PDB file of N, CA and C in Angstrom:
ATOM      1  N   MET A   1       0.847  -1.177   0.000  1.00  0.00           N
ATOM      2  CA  MET A   1       0.000   0.000   0.000  1.00  0.00           C
ATOM      3  C   MET A   1       0.893   1.241   0.000  1.00  0.00           C
ATOM      4  N   PHE A   2       0.684   2.135  -0.937  1.00  0.00           N
ATOM      5  CA  PHE A   2       1.456   3.369  -1.042  1.00  0.00           C
ATOM      6  C   PHE A   2       0.603   4.558  -0.640  1.00  0.00           C
ATOM      7  N   ASP A   3       1.219   5.494   0.062  1.00  0.00           N
ATOM      8  CA  ASP A   3       0.554   6.770   0.303  1.00  0.00           C
ATOM      9  C   ASP A   3       0.829   7.626  -0.919  1.00  0.00           C
ATOM     10  N   ILE A   4      -0.199   8.224  -1.461  1.00  0.00           N
ATOM     11  CA  ILE A   4      -0.018   9.031  -2.666  1.00  0.00           C
ATOM     12  C   ILE A   4      -0.274  10.492  -2.346  1.00  0.00           C
ATOM     13  N   PHE A   5       0.625  11.335  -2.799  1.00  0.00           N
ATOM     14  CA  PHE A   5       0.578  12.767  -2.551  1.00  0.00           C
ATOM     15  C   PHE A   5       0.334  13.424  -3.896  1.00  0.00           C
ATOM     16  N   LYS A   6      -0.792  14.093  -4.078  1.00  0.00           N
ATOM     17  CA  LYS A   6      -1.136  14.673  -5.380  1.00  0.00           C
ATOM     18  C   LYS A   6      -0.761  16.140  -5.438  1.00  0.00           C
ATOM     19  N   ARG A   7      -0.202  16.545  -6.564  1.00  0.00           N
ATOM     20  CA  ARG A   7       0.172  17.937  -6.777  1.00  0.00           C
ATOM     21  C   ARG A   7       0.062  18.253  -8.253  1.00  0.00           C
ATOM     22  N   LYS A   8      -0.788  19.213  -8.585  1.00  0.00           N
ATOM     23  CA  LYS A   8      -0.934  19.690  -9.964  1.00  0.00           C
ATOM     24  C   LYS A   8      -1.012  18.545 -10.974  1.00  0.00           C
ATOM     25  N   GLY A   9      -1.858  17.569 -10.694  1.00  0.00           N
ATOM     26  CA  GLY A   9      -2.042  16.473 -11.633  1.00  0.00           C
ATOM     27  C   GLY A   9      -0.981  15.400 -11.557  1.00  0.00           C
ATOM     28  N   LYS A  10       0.024  15.565 -10.694  1.00  0.00           N
ATOM     29  CA  LYS A  10       1.075  14.565 -10.550  1.00  0.00           C
ATOM     30  C   LYS A  10       0.812  13.770  -9.282  1.00  0.00           C
ATOM     31  N   GLU A  11       1.343  12.585  -9.244  1.00  0.00           N
ATOM     32  CA  GLU A  11       1.292  11.794  -8.030  1.00  0.00           C
ATOM     33  C   GLU A  11       2.720  11.466  -7.637  1.00  0.00           C
ATOM     34  N   ILE A  12       3.030  11.724  -6.380  1.00  0.00           N
ATOM     35  CA  ILE A  12       4.363  11.414  -5.872  1.00  0.00           C
ATOM     36  C   ILE A  12       4.193  10.254  -4.905  1.00  0.00           C
ATOM     37  N   LEU A  13       4.764   9.105  -5.231  1.00  0.00           N
ATOM     38  CA  LEU A  13       4.671   7.969  -4.327  1.00  0.00           C
ATOM     39  C   LEU A  13       5.596   8.192  -3.149  1.00  0.00           C
ATOM     40  N   ASP A  14       5.077   7.885  -1.964  1.00  0.00           N
ATOM     41  CA  ASP A  14       5.878   8.007  -0.756  1.00  0.00           C
ATOM     42  C   ASP A  14       7.150   7.184  -0.928  1.00  0.00           C
ATOM     43  N   GLY A  15       8.293   7.759  -0.611  1.00  0.00           N
ATOM     44  CA  GLY A  15       9.557   7.058  -0.744  1.00  0.00           C
ATOM     45  C   GLY A  15      10.298   7.424  -2.021  1.00  0.00           C
ATOM     46  N   SER A  16       9.655   8.125  -2.936  1.00  0.00           N
ATOM     47  CA  SER A  16      10.350   8.547  -4.151  1.00  0.00           C
ATOM     48  C   SER A  16      11.189   9.783  -3.857  1.00  0.00           C
ATOM     49  N   LYS A  17      11.899  10.252  -4.849  1.00  0.00           N
ATOM     50  CA  LYS A  17      12.756  11.421  -4.653  1.00  0.00           C
ATOM     51  C   LYS A  17      11.989  12.703  -4.935  1.00  0.00           C
ATOM     52  N   ALA A  18      11.035  12.995  -4.097  1.00  0.00           N
ATOM     53  CA  ALA A  18      10.293  14.247  -4.218  1.00  0.00           C
ATOM     54  C   ALA A  18      11.168  15.376  -3.684  1.00  0.00           C
ATOM     55  N   LEU A  19      10.991  16.566  -4.230  1.00  0.00           N
ATOM     56  CA  LEU A  19      11.794  17.720  -3.834  1.00  0.00           C
ATOM     57  C   LEU A  19      10.944  18.739  -3.096  1.00  0.00           C
ATOM     58  N   LEU A  20      11.561  19.454  -2.184  1.00  0.00           N
ATOM     59  CA  LEU A  20      10.867  20.480  -1.417  1.00  0.00           C
ATOM     60  C   LEU A  20      10.238  21.514  -2.344  1.00  0.00           C
ATOM     61  N   SER A  21      10.893  21.820  -3.434  1.00  0.00           N
ATOM     62  CA  SER A  21      10.400  22.824  -4.380  1.00  0.00           C
ATOM     63  C   SER A  21       9.102  22.405  -5.072  1.00  0.00           C
ATOM     64  N   GLU A  22       8.735  21.123  -5.015  1.00  0.00           N
ATOM     65  CA  GLU A  22       7.527  20.625  -5.682  1.00  0.00           C
ATOM     66  C   GLU A  22       6.261  20.789  -4.847  1.00  0.00           C
ATOM     67  N   LEU A  23       6.407  21.071  -3.566  1.00  0.00           N
ATOM     68  CA  LEU A  23       5.241  21.192  -2.698  1.00  0.00           C
ATOM     69  C   LEU A  23       4.546  22.529  -2.898  1.00  0.00           C
ATOM     70  N   ILE A  24       3.258  22.568  -2.553  1.00  0.00           N
ATOM     71  CA  ILE A  24       2.485  23.801  -2.643  1.00  0.00           C
ATOM     72  C   ILE A  24       2.063  24.227  -1.236  1.00  0.00           C
ATOM     73  N   PRO A  25       1.671  25.490  -1.058  1.00  0.00           N
ATOM     74  CA  PRO A  25       1.290  25.972   0.273  1.00  0.00           C
ATOM     75  C   PRO A  25       0.258  25.072   0.960  1.00  0.00           C
ATOM     76  N   GLY A  26       0.522  24.816   2.242  1.00  0.00           N
ATOM     77  CA  GLY A  26      -0.343  23.961   3.041  1.00  0.00           C
ATOM     78  C   GLY A  26       0.133  22.524   3.133  1.00  0.00           C
ATOM     79  N   GLN A  27       1.037  22.117   2.251  1.00  0.00           N
ATOM     80  CA  GLN A  27       1.535  20.749   2.278  1.00  0.00           C
ATOM     81  C   GLN A  27       2.715  20.629   3.242  1.00  0.00           C
ATOM     82  N   THR A  28       2.821  19.446   3.842  1.00  0.00           N
ATOM     83  CA  THR A  28       3.855  19.172   4.833  1.00  0.00           C
ATOM     84  C   THR A  28       4.672  17.968   4.393  1.00  0.00           C
ATOM     85  N   ALA A  29       5.954  17.964   4.756  1.00  0.00           N
ATOM     86  CA  ALA A  29       6.839  16.857   4.408  1.00  0.00           C
ATOM     87  C   ALA A  29       7.921  16.706   5.474  1.00  0.00           C
ATOM     88  N   THR A  30       8.584  15.563   5.424  1.00  0.00           N
ATOM     89  CA  THR A  30       9.740  15.311   6.276  1.00  0.00           C
ATOM     90  C   THR A  30      10.980  15.391   5.396  1.00  0.00           C
ATOM     91  N   ILE A  31      12.003  16.059   5.875  1.00  0.00           N
ATOM     92  CA  ILE A  31      13.258  16.162   5.124  1.00  0.00           C
ATOM     93  C   ILE A  31      13.933  14.793   5.096  1.00  0.00           C
ATOM     94  N   LYS A  32      14.297  14.320   3.891  1.00  0.00           N
ATOM     95  CA  LYS A  32      15.035  13.060   3.746  1.00  0.00           C
ATOM     96  C   LYS A  32      16.530  13.314   3.668  1.00  0.00           C
ATOM     97  N   SER A  33      16.912  14.266   2.817  1.00  0.00           N
ATOM     98  CA  SER A  33      18.341  14.535   2.644  1.00  0.00           C
ATOM     99  C   SER A  33      18.545  15.834   1.879  1.00  0.00           C
ATOM    100  N   ILE A  34      19.779  16.287   1.898  1.00  0.00           N
ATOM    101  CA  ILE A  34      20.193  17.421   1.075  1.00  0.00           C
ATOM    102  C   ILE A  34      21.071  16.838  -0.022  1.00  0.00           C
ATOM    103  N   SER A  35      20.840  17.251  -1.237  1.00  0.00           N
ATOM    104  CA  SER A  35      21.575  16.741  -2.391  1.00  0.00           C
ATOM    105  C   SER A  35      23.085  16.860  -2.200  1.00  0.00           C
ATOM    106  N   ASP A  36      23.804  15.888  -2.742  1.00  0.00           N
ATOM    107  CA  ASP A  36      25.267  15.929  -2.702  1.00  0.00           C
ATOM    108  C   ASP A  36      25.818  17.095  -3.516  1.00  0.00           C
ATOM    109  N   ASP A  37      24.989  17.648  -4.420  1.00  0.00           N
ATOM    110  CA  ASP A  37      25.403  18.810  -5.210  1.00  0.00           C
ATOM    111  C   ASP A  37      25.510  20.064  -4.351  1.00  0.00           C
ATOM    112  N   CYS A  38      24.870  20.043  -3.212  1.00  0.00           N
ATOM    113  CA  CYS A  38      24.869  21.189  -2.298  1.00  0.00           C
ATOM    114  C   CYS A  38      26.000  20.993  -1.290  1.00  0.00           C
ATOM    115  N   GLN A  39      27.032  21.802  -1.397  1.00  0.00           N
ATOM    116  CA  GLN A  39      28.227  21.637  -0.563  1.00  0.00           C
ATOM    117  C   GLN A  39      28.624  22.940   0.114  1.00  0.00           C
ATOM    118  N   GLY A  40      29.563  22.833   1.025  1.00  0.00           N
ATOM    119  CA  GLY A  40      30.178  24.001   1.642  1.00  0.00           C
ATOM    120  C   GLY A  40      29.228  24.892   2.414  1.00  0.00           C
ATOM    121  N   VAL A  41      29.385  26.197   2.201  1.00  0.00           N
ATOM    122  CA  VAL A  41      28.636  27.206   2.943  1.00  0.00           C
ATOM    123  C   VAL A  41      27.132  27.071   2.717  1.00  0.00           C
ATOM    124  N   GLU A  42      26.724  26.787   1.485  1.00  0.00           N
ATOM    125  CA  GLU A  42      25.292  26.662   1.193  1.00  0.00           C
ATOM    126  C   GLU A  42      24.674  25.501   1.970  1.00  0.00           C
ATOM    127  N   ARG A  43      25.343  24.358   1.987  1.00  0.00           N
ATOM    128  CA  ARG A  43      24.855  23.192   2.731  1.00  0.00           C
ATOM    129  C   ARG A  43      24.788  23.499   4.227  1.00  0.00           C
ATOM    130  N   GLN A  44      25.834  24.118   4.746  1.00  0.00           N
ATOM    131  CA  GLN A  44      25.876  24.443   6.169  1.00  0.00           C
ATOM    132  C   GLN A  44      24.761  25.416   6.545  1.00  0.00           C
ATOM    133  N   ARG A  45      24.487  26.393   5.683  1.00  0.00           N
ATOM    134  CA  ARG A  45      23.418  27.362   5.947  1.00  0.00           C
ATOM    135  C   ARG A  45      22.068  26.667   6.041  1.00  0.00           C
ATOM    136  N   LEU A  46      21.775  25.776   5.085  1.00  0.00           N
ATOM    137  CA  LEU A  46      20.507  25.050   5.115  1.00  0.00           C
ATOM    138  C   LEU A  46      20.378  24.227   6.396  1.00  0.00           C
ATOM    139  N   MET A  47      21.455  23.576   6.789  1.00  0.00           N
ATOM    140  CA  MET A  47      21.431  22.768   8.004  1.00  0.00           C
ATOM    141  C   MET A  47      21.278  23.649   9.243  1.00  0.00           C
ATOM    142  N   ASP A  48      21.942  24.790   9.275  1.00  0.00           N
ATOM    143  CA  ASP A  48      21.823  25.720  10.406  1.00  0.00           C
ATOM    144  C   ASP A  48      20.397  26.247  10.544  1.00  0.00           C
ATOM    145  N   LEU A  49      19.692  26.374   9.423  1.00  0.00           N
ATOM    146  CA  LEU A  49      18.311  26.857   9.435  1.00  0.00           C
ATOM    147  C   LEU A  49      17.314  25.765   9.838  1.00  0.00           C
ATOM    148  N   GLY A  50      17.790  24.527   9.964  1.00  0.00           N
ATOM    149  CA  GLY A  50      16.926  23.430  10.403  1.00  0.00           C
ATOM    150  C   GLY A  50      16.561  22.422   9.332  1.00  0.00           C
ATOM    151  N   PHE A  51      17.061  22.598   8.119  1.00  0.00           N
ATOM    152  CA  PHE A  51      16.761  21.675   7.029  1.00  0.00           C
ATOM    153  C   PHE A  51      17.692  20.466   7.120  1.00  0.00           C
ATOM    154  N   VAL A  52      17.406  19.616   8.100  1.00  0.00           N
ATOM    155  CA  VAL A  52      18.201  18.414   8.350  1.00  0.00           C
ATOM    156  C   VAL A  52      17.280  17.196   8.269  1.00  0.00           C
ATOM    157  N   PRO A  53      17.821  16.026   7.924  1.00  0.00           N
ATOM    158  CA  PRO A  53      16.992  14.827   7.826  1.00  0.00           C
ATOM    159  C   PRO A  53      16.155  14.602   9.089  1.00  0.00           C
ATOM    160  N   GLY A  54      14.876  14.287   8.859  1.00  0.00           N
ATOM    161  CA  GLY A  54      13.954  14.029   9.954  1.00  0.00           C
ATOM    162  C   GLY A  54      13.118  15.224  10.372  1.00  0.00           C
ATOM    163  N   SER A  55      13.509  16.423   9.952  1.00  0.00           N
ATOM    164  CA  SER A  55      12.759  17.631  10.322  1.00  0.00           C
ATOM    165  C   SER A  55      11.468  17.727   9.518  1.00  0.00           C
ATOM    166  N   LEU A  56      10.424  18.198  10.180  1.00  0.00           N
ATOM    167  CA  LEU A  56       9.132  18.417   9.534  1.00  0.00           C
ATOM    168  C   LEU A  56       9.107  19.835   8.975  1.00  0.00           C
ATOM    169  N   VAL A  57       8.673  19.987   7.733  1.00  0.00           N
ATOM    170  CA  VAL A  57       8.624  21.295   7.085  1.00  0.00           C
ATOM    171  C   VAL A  57       7.263  21.467   6.408  1.00  0.00           C
ATOM    172  N   GLU A  58       6.705  22.673   6.513  1.00  0.00           N
ATOM    173  CA  GLU A  58       5.421  22.982   5.880  1.00  0.00           C
ATOM    174  C   GLU A  58       5.594  24.186   4.968  1.00  0.00           C
ATOM    175  N   VAL A  59       4.986  24.116   3.792  1.00  0.00           N
ATOM    176  CA  VAL A  59       5.015  25.253   2.878  1.00  0.00           C
ATOM    177  C   VAL A  59       3.983  26.254   3.377  1.00  0.00           C
ATOM    178  N   GLU A  60       4.453  27.427   3.763  1.00  0.00           N
ATOM    179  CA  GLU A  60       3.580  28.455   4.321  1.00  0.00           C
ATOM    180  C   GLU A  60       2.954  29.308   3.215  1.00  0.00           C
ATOM    181  N   MET A  61       3.795  29.867   2.334  1.00  0.00           N
ATOM    182  CA  MET A  61       3.275  30.706   1.246  1.00  0.00           C
ATOM    183  C   MET A  61       4.350  30.935   0.192  1.00  0.00           C
ATOM    184  N   ARG A  62       3.894  31.296  -0.993  1.00  0.00           N
ATOM    185  CA  ARG A  62       4.802  31.635  -2.096  1.00  0.00           C
ATOM    186  C   ARG A  62       4.670  33.122  -2.386  1.00  0.00           C
ATOM    187  N   SER A  63       5.726  33.689  -2.916  1.00  0.00           N
ATOM    188  CA  SER A  63       5.644  35.081  -3.357  1.00  0.00           C
ATOM    189  C   SER A  63       4.781  35.111  -4.621  1.00  0.00           C
ATOM    190  N   PRO A  64       4.350  36.292  -5.054  1.00  0.00           N
ATOM    191  CA  PRO A  64       3.489  36.369  -6.243  1.00  0.00           C
ATOM    192  C   PRO A  64       4.070  35.699  -7.491  1.00  0.00           C
ATOM    193  N   TRP A  65       5.385  35.655  -7.612  1.00  0.00           N
ATOM    194  CA  TRP A  65       6.014  35.027  -8.781  1.00  0.00           C
ATOM    195  C   TRP A  65       6.596  33.663  -8.433  1.00  0.00           C
ATOM    196  N   SER A  66       6.171  33.089  -7.300  1.00  0.00           N
ATOM    197  CA  SER A  66       6.560  31.748  -6.839  1.00  0.00           C
ATOM    198  C   SER A  66       8.017  31.603  -6.428  1.00  0.00           C
ATOM    199  N   ASP A  67       8.733  32.688  -6.274  1.00  0.00           N
ATOM    200  CA  ASP A  67      10.132  32.594  -5.855  1.00  0.00           C
ATOM    201  C   ASP A  67      10.514  33.871  -5.130  1.00  0.00           C
ATOM    202  N   PRO A  68      10.807  33.837  -3.857  1.00  0.00           N
ATOM    203  CA  PRO A  68      11.027  32.658  -3.018  1.00  0.00           C
ATOM    204  C   PRO A  68       9.729  32.114  -2.425  1.00  0.00           C
ATOM    205  N   THR A  69       9.873  31.016  -1.695  1.00  0.00           N
ATOM    206  CA  THR A  69       8.771  30.383  -0.976  1.00  0.00           C
ATOM    207  C   THR A  69       9.116  30.368   0.504  1.00  0.00           C
ATOM    208  N   ALA A  70       8.110  30.604   1.356  1.00  0.00           N
ATOM    209  CA  ALA A  70       8.319  30.592   2.810  1.00  0.00           C
ATOM    210  C   ALA A  70       7.962  29.212   3.358  1.00  0.00           C
ATOM    211  N   TYR A  71       8.867  28.667   4.158  1.00  0.00           N
ATOM    212  CA  TYR A  71       8.691  27.355   4.773  1.00  0.00           C
ATOM    213  C   TYR A  71       8.703  27.498   6.286  1.00  0.00           C
ATOM    214  N   ARG A  72       7.778  26.811   6.956  1.00  0.00           N
ATOM    215  CA  ARG A  72       7.766  26.783   8.419  1.00  0.00           C
ATOM    216  C   ARG A  72       8.523  25.534   8.850  1.00  0.00           C
ATOM    217  N   ILE A  73       9.597  25.752   9.624  1.00  0.00           N
ATOM    218  CA  ILE A  73      10.421  24.645  10.088  1.00  0.00           C
ATOM    219  C   ILE A  73      10.958  24.967  11.473  1.00  0.00           C
ATOM    220  N   LYS A  74      10.790  24.040  12.378  1.00  0.00           N
ATOM    221  CA  LYS A  74      11.283  24.169  13.758  1.00  0.00           C
ATOM    222  C   LYS A  74      10.877  25.485  14.410  1.00  0.00           C
ATOM    223  N   GLY A  75       9.636  25.899  14.187  1.00  0.00           N
ATOM    224  CA  GLY A  75       9.105  27.106  14.811  1.00  0.00           C
ATOM    225  C   GLY A  75       9.462  28.405  14.114  1.00  0.00           C
ATOM    226  N   GLY A  76      10.273  28.340  13.081  1.00  0.00           N
ATOM    227  CA  GLY A  76      10.662  29.547  12.348  1.00  0.00           C
ATOM    228  C   GLY A  76      10.050  29.581  10.963  1.00  0.00           C
ATOM    229  N   LEU A  77      10.099  30.737  10.346  1.00  0.00           N
ATOM    230  CA  LEU A  77       9.617  30.914   8.981  1.00  0.00           C
ATOM    231  C   LEU A  77      10.815  31.322   8.132  1.00  0.00           C
ATOM    232  N   ILE A  78      11.186  30.462   7.190  1.00  0.00           N
ATOM    233  CA  ILE A  78      12.393  30.644   6.388  1.00  0.00           C
ATOM    234  C   ILE A  78      12.019  30.705   4.911  1.00  0.00           C
ATOM    235  N   ALA A  79      12.543  31.691   4.199  1.00  0.00           N
ATOM    236  CA  ALA A  79      12.306  31.805   2.756  1.00  0.00           C
ATOM    237  C   ALA A  79      13.491  31.210   2.004  1.00  0.00           C
ATOM    238  N   LEU A  80      13.181  30.348   1.046  1.00  0.00           N
ATOM    239  CA  LEU A  80      14.204  29.765   0.180  1.00  0.00           C
ATOM    240  C   LEU A  80      13.823  30.006  -1.273  1.00  0.00           C
ATOM    241  N   ARG A  81      14.812  30.218  -2.091  1.00  0.00           N
ATOM    242  CA  ARG A  81      14.590  30.312  -3.530  1.00  0.00           C
ATOM    243  C   ARG A  81      14.439  28.896  -4.090  1.00  0.00           C
ATOM    244  N   LYS A  82      13.822  28.792  -5.246  1.00  0.00           N
ATOM    245  CA  LYS A  82      13.568  27.487  -5.850  1.00  0.00           C
ATOM    246  C   LYS A  82      14.863  26.714  -6.079  1.00  0.00           C
ATOM    247  N   ASN A  83      15.936  27.410  -6.478  1.00  0.00           N
ATOM    248  CA  ASN A  83      17.198  26.715  -6.738  1.00  0.00           C
ATOM    249  C   ASN A  83      17.816  26.139  -5.462  1.00  0.00           C
ATOM    250  N   GLN A  84      17.400  26.631  -4.290  1.00  0.00           N
ATOM    251  CA  GLN A  84      17.842  26.050  -3.020  1.00  0.00           C
ATOM    252  C   GLN A  84      16.911  24.902  -2.622  1.00  0.00           C
ATOM    253  N   ALA A  85      15.602  25.130  -2.732  1.00  0.00           N
ATOM    254  CA  ALA A  85      14.616  24.124  -2.327  1.00  0.00           C
ATOM    255  C   ALA A  85      14.696  22.861  -3.180  1.00  0.00           C
ATOM    256  N   CYS A  86      15.136  22.976  -4.419  1.00  0.00           N
ATOM    257  CA  CYS A  86      15.225  21.795  -5.281  1.00  0.00           C
ATOM    258  C   CYS A  86      16.406  20.900  -4.908  1.00  0.00           C
ATOM    259  N   LYS A  87      17.227  21.329  -3.972  1.00  0.00           N
ATOM    260  CA  LYS A  87      18.349  20.512  -3.496  1.00  0.00           C
ATOM    261  C   LYS A  87      17.992  19.721  -2.241  1.00  0.00           C
ATOM    262  N   ILE A  88      16.732  19.857  -1.783  1.00  0.00           N
ATOM    263  CA  ILE A  88      16.293  19.185  -0.564  1.00  0.00           C
ATOM    264  C   ILE A  88      15.275  18.109  -0.921  1.00  0.00           C
ATOM    265  N   GLN A  89      15.622  16.854  -0.654  1.00  0.00           N
ATOM    266  CA  GLN A  89      14.722  15.735  -0.923  1.00  0.00           C
ATOM    267  C   GLN A  89      13.821  15.525   0.290  1.00  0.00           C
ATOM    268  N   ILE A  90      12.556  15.242   0.005  1.00  0.00           N
ATOM    269  CA  ILE A  90      11.565  15.127   1.078  1.00  0.00           C
ATOM    270  C   ILE A  90      10.730  13.858   0.930  1.00  0.00           C
ATOM    271  N   CYS A  91      10.025  13.546   1.999  1.00  0.00           N
ATOM    272  CA  CYS A  91       9.042  12.472   2.008  1.00  0.00           C
ATOM    273  C   CYS A  91       7.723  13.120   2.407  1.00  0.00           C
ATOM    274  N   PRO A  92       6.753  13.236   1.502  1.00  0.00           N
ATOM    275  CA  PRO A  92       5.488  13.902   1.808  1.00  0.00           C
ATOM    276  C   PRO A  92       4.757  13.270   2.991  1.00  0.00           C
ATOM    277  N   VAL A  93       4.079  14.107   3.770  1.00  0.00           N
ATOM    278  CA  VAL A  93       3.279  13.679   4.916  1.00  0.00           C
ATOM    279  C   VAL A  93       1.840  14.055   4.623  1.00  0.00           C
ATOM    280  N   GLN A  94       0.907  13.166   4.931  1.00  0.00           N
ATOM    281  CA  GLN A  94      -0.500  13.492   4.694  1.00  0.00           C
ATOM    282  C   GLN A  94      -1.200  13.776   5.985  1.00  0.00           C
TER     283      GLN A  94
END
């Protein structure tokens, strides 16, 4: 039995490589990992902000042009650009 997370006509099967950037406001997910492409200062910044495996993150709102997007994580509200959010793999939560 698979949990299915629907977004804009797509279905993301739980356990697949869904990205934080694919979620829409109101959706929640658990952080699985940060891409190996994200290194150094950028990786450390994301981790310092709470984007670490196991953390729960909710999409709070998008700007009018969809970039950046505000995410609620560990009690804070953090804005990330799409090119940052696409480096974070997630597991959708229903």
